[in-house]
Amino acid sequence: MAPRGAALQREIVRESQTEAANFQIVGLTSDAVLKQVATWPATGTGLGLNWPGKGQSQPSRALRRGDIVDLTIWDSQPNSLLATPEQRSVNMHGLEISPDGTIFVPYIEVVEVAGLSPEAARSEIQSRLTPIAPSAQVQLTVREGDQNTIELISGVTKPGRYPIAARGVTILSMLAEAGGIPDAMRNAVVRLQRGGTSYATLASSIYGSPAGDILLRGGDRIVVESDPRSFVVMGATGRESTVMFEKAEHTLLEALSMGGGLAEGRADLRAVMVLRKYSPKALRSDGSGPGKENVVFTFDLSSAEGLFNARSFKVHPDDVILATESPLPAASSVLGLFGAALGAVQRAEAL
């Protein structure tokens, strides 16, 4: 028997009809079937796409526990309790905001500042000083602790920790400050770790929608990575390979093109297949979902309707696209081998 590089359609169909078959065949022969299959659950390794809305982000920079506050208090009164006549100001540097959100300031003792903006904290301290130093003026600066920085871990030109400006910073501004996402990054996925929750979105979604350009919070951690999703193309194709997703979704026709197309003279246009595995929870007996965990979708690309269906059918991560072998080349190969053998015998007899 002549060797082949891919299965024949009749072999797969024959196996599906046996009692031991653990898969079903679904022919994508009409637009109605295509629409029904499109409602079935998603499969494969997903990106877990979800993204916080703008309402979930803090509107501006706020003081947090662990920040370091530096105070300079100016008082021009000759009998000031805070400053000497020779030096009209007093410096109080290195006041760390404690775990309970407070700092200690002499004469007014504990002041709760966590959650306030730098300006609001300055105003609060100055108002507390008024009874003992009516003319005092307070200057406040902040050195950010870990909770008031953003950490860009990977996937940018300049990873590292970046402080949050007093006016706040959006994710696009932060990515730009870190040198941007390298051009070599394929279909970049932006992952945000905030508190105990993880978020993810495609970078193209952030660039393309103002709603995605959220304000960041202190303690946010950002990872940018190439899209990890893939599908396999095999059989009578230009090349057998694992193909990575290059955008949010791909149709079957796009996927075949990315795999080098169908092998001319070998592929059976009437039997291009997509192998997909569903969760047991997705199984249905009424046709509203797959009947078995393993499903083989078949397409006839020799017809206009089949081509349009393949143009609309969305490939899922971890799908296997199989271009079956045309039975005609297999028969031709057998005849060719037979002819070659007959010729060899005839030459031997002539000698």
Protein backbone atom coordinates (compact mmCIF):
# COMPACT_ATOMS: atom_id res chain seq x y z
CA MET A 1 0.00 0.00 0.00
CA ALA A 2 1.36 3.43 -0.95
CA PRO A 3 2.26 5.68 1.97
CA ARG A 4 0.05 8.69 2.65
CA GLY A 5 0.59 11.89 4.62
CA ALA A 6 -2.98 12.25 5.89
CA ALA A 7 -6.17 10.34 6.55
CA LEU A 8 -8.91 9.80 4.00
CA GLN A 9 -12.38 11.17 4.69
CA ARG A 10 -14.02 7.76 4.30
CA GLU A 11 -11.74 6.29 6.98
CA ILE A 12 -12.79 8.87 9.55
CA VAL A 13 -16.47 8.62 8.63
CA ARG A 14 -16.34 4.82 8.83
CA GLU A 15 -14.80 4.95 12.29
CA SER A 16 -17.45 7.44 13.52
CA GLN A 17 -20.16 4.93 12.65
CA THR A 18 -18.76 2.17 14.83
CA GLU A 19 -20.23 1.49 18.24
CA ALA A 20 -16.92 2.26 19.97
CA ALA A 21 -16.54 5.70 18.36
CA ASN A 22 -15.89 8.41 20.96
CA PHE A 23 -16.49 11.33 18.60
CA GLN A 24 -19.24 12.74 16.45
CA ILE A 25 -19.11 14.32 13.01
CA VAL A 26 -20.90 17.60 12.34
CA GLY A 27 -21.09 18.62 8.70
CA LEU A 28 -20.98 22.39 8.22
CA THR A 29 -23.22 22.16 5.18
CA SER A 30 -25.49 25.16 5.71
CA ASP A 31 -25.65 28.58 7.28
CA ALA A 32 -28.22 27.28 9.79
CA VAL A 33 -25.83 24.62 11.12
CA LEU A 34 -23.02 27.19 11.27
CA LYS A 35 -25.14 29.57 13.37
CA GLN A 36 -26.16 26.76 15.72
CA VAL A 37 -22.56 25.61 16.27
CA ALA A 38 -21.53 29.23 16.93
CA THR A 39 -23.71 29.18 20.08
CA TRP A 40 -21.86 26.19 21.53
CA PRO A 41 -19.43 26.92 24.42
CA ALA A 42 -15.93 28.20 23.80
CA THR A 43 -13.12 25.65 24.11
CA GLY A 44 -9.37 25.57 24.48
CA THR A 45 -6.93 27.71 26.39
CA GLY A 46 -8.54 31.13 26.72
CA LEU A 47 -7.06 34.48 27.62
CA GLY A 48 -9.46 35.13 30.51
CA LEU A 49 -10.30 38.51 29.05
CA ASN A 50 -11.86 40.92 31.53
CA TRP A 51 -10.94 44.50 32.26
CA PRO A 52 -11.89 46.92 35.04
CA GLY A 53 -14.07 49.84 34.10
CA LYS A 54 -12.95 53.40 34.60
CA GLY A 55 -15.24 53.63 37.63
CA GLN A 56 -13.06 51.05 39.42
CA SER A 57 -9.96 53.24 39.29
CA GLN A 58 -8.99 55.93 41.79
CA PRO A 59 -9.36 59.43 40.30
CA SER A 60 -6.04 60.77 41.60
CA ARG A 61 -2.92 59.98 43.58
CA ALA A 62 -3.63 59.25 47.27
CA LEU A 63 -1.29 58.81 50.23
CA ARG A 64 -0.90 55.21 51.30
CA ARG A 65 0.56 53.27 54.20
CA GLY A 66 4.32 53.04 53.81
CA ASP A 67 4.72 56.37 51.99
CA ILE A 68 7.32 58.75 53.41
CA VAL A 69 6.12 62.30 54.14
CA ASP A 70 8.50 65.26 54.40
CA LEU A 71 7.17 68.41 56.09
CA THR A 72 8.57 71.93 56.10
CA ILE A 73 6.67 74.30 58.41
CA TRP A 74 7.23 78.03 58.02
CA ASP A 75 6.31 80.38 60.83
CA SER A 76 7.31 84.06 60.90
CA GLN A 77 5.98 84.82 64.41
CA PRO A 78 8.80 85.99 66.79
CA ASN A 79 7.53 83.80 69.63
CA SER A 80 6.79 80.75 67.48
CA LEU A 81 6.57 77.40 69.21
CA LEU A 82 7.78 75.70 66.06
CA ALA A 83 10.72 77.75 64.80
CA THR A 84 13.52 79.79 66.36
CA PRO A 85 13.99 83.51 65.59
CA GLU A 86 17.16 82.69 63.66
CA GLN A 87 15.48 79.99 61.61
CA ARG A 88 11.92 80.65 60.57
CA SER A 89 11.20 77.11 59.40
CA VAL A 90 11.44 73.61 60.79
CA ASN A 91 12.00 70.46 58.76
CA MET A 92 10.34 67.18 59.66
CA HIS A 93 11.63 64.58 57.20
CA GLY A 94 11.10 60.85 56.98
CA LEU A 95 7.63 60.61 58.53
CA GLU A 96 6.47 57.17 57.43
CA ILE A 97 2.73 56.62 57.21
CA SER A 98 2.05 53.88 59.74
CA PRO A 99 -0.05 50.75 59.18
CA ASP A 100 -3.03 52.57 60.74
CA GLY A 101 -2.68 55.37 58.16
CA THR A 102 -1.28 58.08 60.43
CA ILE A 103 1.85 60.18 60.94
CA PHE A 104 3.06 61.85 64.14
CA VAL A 105 3.55 65.63 64.01
CA PRO A 106 4.85 67.43 67.15
CA TYR A 107 2.29 69.63 68.97
CA ILE A 108 -0.66 68.15 67.06
CA GLU A 109 0.33 64.50 67.58
CA VAL A 110 -1.31 61.89 65.31
CA VAL A 111 -2.79 62.95 61.96
CA GLU A 112 -4.63 60.48 59.74
CA VAL A 113 -3.46 61.04 56.16
CA ALA A 114 -3.82 57.70 54.33
CA GLY A 115 -6.35 58.00 51.54
CA LEU A 116 -5.95 61.78 51.27
CA SER A 117 -4.35 63.52 48.34
CA PRO A 118 -1.03 65.28 49.14
CA GLU A 119 -2.78 68.66 49.01
CA ALA A 120 -5.61 67.50 51.29
CA ALA A 121 -3.08 66.11 53.79
CA ARG A 122 -1.12 69.39 53.75
CA SER A 123 -4.32 71.35 54.35
CA GLU A 124 -5.34 69.07 57.23
CA ILE A 125 -1.97 69.44 58.99
CA GLN A 126 -2.01 73.21 58.54
CA SER A 127 -5.52 73.51 59.96
CA ARG A 128 -4.50 71.41 62.98
CA LEU A 129 -1.55 73.76 63.57
CA THR A 130 -3.63 76.94 63.43
CA PRO A 131 -4.52 77.05 67.18
CA ILE A 132 -0.85 77.06 68.19
CA ALA A 133 0.67 78.79 65.14
CA PRO A 134 -1.93 80.88 63.31
CA SER A 135 0.51 82.13 60.68
CA ALA A 136 2.21 78.80 60.01
CA GLN A 137 2.48 77.59 56.43
CA VAL A 138 2.99 73.91 55.65
CA GLN A 139 4.88 72.44 52.71
CA LEU A 140 4.43 68.70 52.13
CA THR A 141 6.25 66.35 49.77
CA VAL A 142 5.86 62.60 49.41
CA ARG A 143 8.24 59.81 48.61
CA GLU A 144 6.28 56.86 47.34
CA GLY A 145 6.22 53.59 49.19
CA ASP A 146 5.56 50.29 47.44
CA GLN A 147 1.81 50.87 47.53
CA ASN A 148 2.09 54.09 45.53
CA THR A 149 4.11 52.68 42.68
CA ILE A 150 3.22 50.71 39.57
CA GLU A 151 5.36 47.69 38.72
CA LEU A 152 5.82 46.80 35.06
CA ILE A 153 7.23 43.30 35.28
CA SER A 154 7.81 42.30 31.65
CA GLY A 155 6.85 42.88 28.03
CA VAL A 156 7.93 46.53 27.88
CA THR A 157 11.18 48.16 26.82
CA LYS A 158 12.04 49.43 30.32
CA PRO A 159 10.49 47.24 33.04
CA GLY A 160 10.63 48.42 36.63
CA ARG A 161 8.78 50.37 39.32
CA TYR A 162 7.24 53.73 38.48
CA PRO A 163 5.72 56.26 40.91
CA ILE A 164 2.17 57.49 40.45
CA ALA A 165 2.01 61.20 39.67
CA ALA A 166 -0.23 63.36 41.85
CA ARG A 167 -2.71 63.77 39.01
CA GLY A 168 -2.86 60.00 38.43
CA VAL A 169 -1.65 58.01 35.43
CA THR A 170 -3.44 55.91 32.81
CA ILE A 171 -2.21 52.57 31.57
CA LEU A 172 -1.36 53.93 28.11
CA SER A 173 0.71 56.70 29.67
CA MET A 174 2.48 54.18 31.91
CA LEU A 175 3.24 51.85 28.98
CA ALA A 176 4.62 54.81 27.04
CA GLU A 177 6.77 55.87 30.01
CA ALA A 178 8.18 52.34 30.14
CA GLY A 179 9.26 52.56 26.50
CA GLY A 180 6.19 50.96 24.99
CA ILE A 181 5.49 47.39 23.87
CA PRO A 182 8.18 46.04 21.51
CA ASP A 183 7.09 45.62 17.87
CA ALA A 184 8.15 41.97 18.01
CA MET A 185 5.43 41.22 20.58
CA ARG A 186 2.76 39.18 18.75
CA ASN A 187 -0.85 40.18 19.48
CA ALA A 188 0.18 41.55 22.87
CA VAL A 189 -1.92 40.66 25.91
CA VAL A 190 -1.86 43.09 28.86
CA ARG A 191 -2.39 41.46 32.26
CA LEU A 192 -3.13 43.55 35.34
CA GLN A 193 -2.80 42.23 38.90
CA ARG A 194 -4.73 44.41 41.32
CA GLY A 195 -5.11 43.26 44.90
CA GLY A 196 -6.34 39.70 44.71
CA THR A 197 -7.86 40.01 41.24
CA SER A 198 -6.30 39.44 37.82
CA TYR A 199 -7.47 41.19 34.66
CA ALA A 200 -6.47 40.76 31.02
CA THR A 201 -7.17 42.43 27.69
CA LEU A 202 -5.59 42.70 24.27
CA ALA A 203 -3.32 45.72 23.85
CA SER A 204 -5.17 46.51 20.63
CA SER A 205 -8.36 46.92 22.68
CA ILE A 206 -6.70 49.51 24.92
CA TYR A 207 -5.32 51.41 21.95
CA GLY A 208 -8.62 51.27 20.11
CA SER A 209 -11.04 52.18 22.90
CA PRO A 210 -10.87 55.14 25.34
CA ALA A 211 -12.77 53.02 27.88
CA GLY A 212 -9.81 50.65 28.11
CA ASP A 213 -7.32 53.37 29.07
CA ILE A 214 -8.02 53.11 32.80
CA LEU A 215 -6.35 55.02 35.62
CA LEU A 216 -3.92 52.86 37.54
CA ARG A 217 -3.78 52.36 41.29
CA GLY A 218 -0.86 52.10 43.67
CA GLY A 219 0.31 48.52 43.94
CA ASP A 220 -0.87 47.55 40.44
CA ARG A 221 1.41 45.07 38.65
CA ILE A 222 1.45 44.79 34.86
CA VAL A 223 2.69 41.96 32.64
CA VAL A 224 2.65 42.18 28.84
CA GLU A 225 3.05 38.96 26.88
CA SER A 226 2.50 37.53 23.42
CA ASP A 227 -0.82 35.80 22.87
CA PRO A 228 -0.25 32.22 24.15
CA ARG A 229 -3.11 30.67 22.15
CA SER A 230 -2.44 28.31 19.27
CA PHE A 231 -3.99 25.75 16.93
CA VAL A 232 -2.50 22.85 14.97
CA VAL A 233 -2.58 22.46 11.18
CA MET A 234 -1.78 18.99 9.83
CA GLY A 235 -2.40 16.57 7.02
CA ALA A 236 -2.31 17.58 3.35
CA THR A 237 -1.27 21.16 4.02
CA GLY A 238 1.63 23.37 3.01
CA ARG A 239 3.28 22.59 6.33
CA GLU A 240 2.30 20.71 9.48
CA SER A 241 2.82 23.01 12.43
CA THR A 242 1.53 24.61 15.58
CA VAL A 243 0.31 28.07 14.62
CA MET A 244 0.04 30.95 17.09
CA PHE A 245 -2.90 33.35 17.12
CA GLU A 246 -1.99 36.71 15.59
CA LYS A 247 -5.20 38.56 16.49
CA ALA A 248 -8.28 38.15 18.65
CA GLU A 249 -9.85 35.51 16.42
CA HIS A 250 -9.22 33.66 13.16
CA THR A 251 -11.57 32.01 10.69
CA LEU A 252 -10.90 28.57 9.23
CA LEU A 253 -9.83 30.06 5.88
CA GLU A 254 -7.36 32.35 7.66
CA ALA A 255 -6.04 29.45 9.71
CA LEU A 256 -5.46 27.33 6.60
CA SER A 257 -3.61 30.21 4.98
CA MET A 258 -1.43 30.64 8.10
CA GLY A 259 -0.60 26.92 7.87
CA GLY A 260 0.67 27.21 4.33
CA GLY A 261 -2.60 26.45 2.55
CA LEU A 262 -3.79 23.12 1.17
CA ALA A 263 -1.25 20.90 -0.60
CA GLU A 264 -2.01 21.06 -4.31
CA GLY A 265 -2.82 17.65 -5.75
CA ARG A 266 -3.00 15.99 -2.31
CA ALA A 267 -5.71 17.66 -0.25
CA ASP A 268 -9.34 16.66 -0.57
CA LEU A 269 -11.23 19.96 -0.88
CA ARG A 270 -14.45 18.15 -0.01
CA ALA A 271 -13.21 17.05 3.41
CA VAL A 272 -11.34 19.64 5.46
CA MET A 273 -11.89 18.92 9.14
CA VAL A 274 -11.61 20.70 12.46
CA LEU A 275 -11.12 18.50 15.54
CA ARG A 276 -12.31 20.05 18.79
CA LYS A 277 -12.67 18.82 22.38
CA TYR A 278 -15.53 20.04 24.58
CA SER A 279 -16.01 19.88 28.33
CA PRO A 280 -18.36 17.16 29.60
CA LYS A 281 -20.52 19.96 31.04
CA ALA A 282 -21.13 21.28 27.51
CA LEU A 283 -22.72 18.07 26.23
CA ARG A 284 -26.36 18.24 25.15
CA SER A 285 -28.75 15.71 23.68
CA ASP A 286 -31.08 18.22 22.00
CA GLY A 287 -28.57 19.67 19.52
CA SER A 288 -28.07 22.89 21.48
CA GLY A 289 -24.54 21.68 22.22
CA PRO A 290 -22.18 18.87 21.25
CA GLY A 291 -23.36 15.30 21.74
CA LYS A 292 -19.88 14.02 22.54
CA GLU A 293 -16.73 15.53 24.00
CA ASN A 294 -14.80 15.02 20.76
CA VAL A 295 -16.33 16.67 17.69
CA VAL A 296 -15.13 16.65 14.10
CA PHE A 297 -16.48 19.52 11.97
CA THR A 298 -16.29 18.87 8.24
CA PHE A 299 -16.22 21.41 5.39
CA ASP A 300 -16.61 21.02 1.65
CA LEU A 301 -14.37 23.70 0.16
CA SER A 302 -15.19 22.64 -3.36
CA SER A 303 -18.53 24.49 -3.10
CA ALA A 304 -19.26 28.19 -2.72
CA GLU A 305 -21.37 27.59 0.39
CA GLY A 306 -18.60 25.57 1.97
CA LEU A 307 -16.09 28.36 1.32
CA PHE A 308 -18.40 30.95 2.85
CA ASN A 309 -18.95 28.72 5.88
CA ALA A 310 -15.18 28.30 6.31
CA ARG A 311 -14.83 32.07 6.02
CA SER A 312 -17.25 32.53 8.95
CA PHE A 313 -16.29 29.56 11.15
CA LYS A 314 -14.16 30.72 14.11
CA VAL A 315 -11.19 28.57 15.08
CA HIS A 316 -10.82 27.97 18.83
CA PRO A 317 -7.53 27.69 20.72
CA ASP A 318 -6.17 24.11 20.72
CA ASP A 319 -8.24 23.14 17.65
CA VAL A 320 -6.65 20.68 15.21
CA ILE A 321 -7.25 21.47 11.55
CA LEU A 322 -6.88 18.37 9.39
CA ALA A 323 -6.71 18.47 5.60
CA THR A 324 -7.59 14.94 4.55
CA GLU A 325 -5.89 13.22 1.64
CA SER A 326 -7.66 13.05 -1.68
CA PRO A 327 -8.30 9.39 -2.67
CA LEU A 328 -7.30 10.14 -6.29
CA PRO A 329 -3.60 10.83 -5.59
CA ALA A 330 -3.47 7.66 -3.49
CA ALA A 331 -4.85 5.61 -6.40
CA SER A 332 -2.49 7.31 -8.82
CA SER A 333 0.44 6.47 -6.54
CA VAL A 334 -0.54 2.79 -6.50
CA LEU A 335 -0.84 2.69 -10.29
CA GLY A 336 2.47 4.50 -10.59
CA LEU A 337 4.21 1.97 -8.34
CA PHE A 338 2.62 -0.89 -10.28
CA GLY A 339 3.78 0.62 -13.57
CA ALA A 340 7.31 1.12 -12.28
CA ALA A 341 7.48 -2.48 -11.08
CA LEU A 342 6.15 -3.79 -14.42
CA GLY A 343 8.74 -1.75 -16.28
CA ALA A 344 11.52 -3.15 -14.12
CA VAL A 345 10.37 -6.72 -14.82
CA GLN A 346 10.25 -6.03 -18.57
CA ARG A 347 13.78 -4.63 -18.54
CA ALA A 348 15.06 -7.64 -16.63
CA GLU A 349 13.48 -10.01 -19.15
CA ALA A 350 15.06 -8.10 -22.02
CA LEU A 351 18.49 -8.66 -20.50
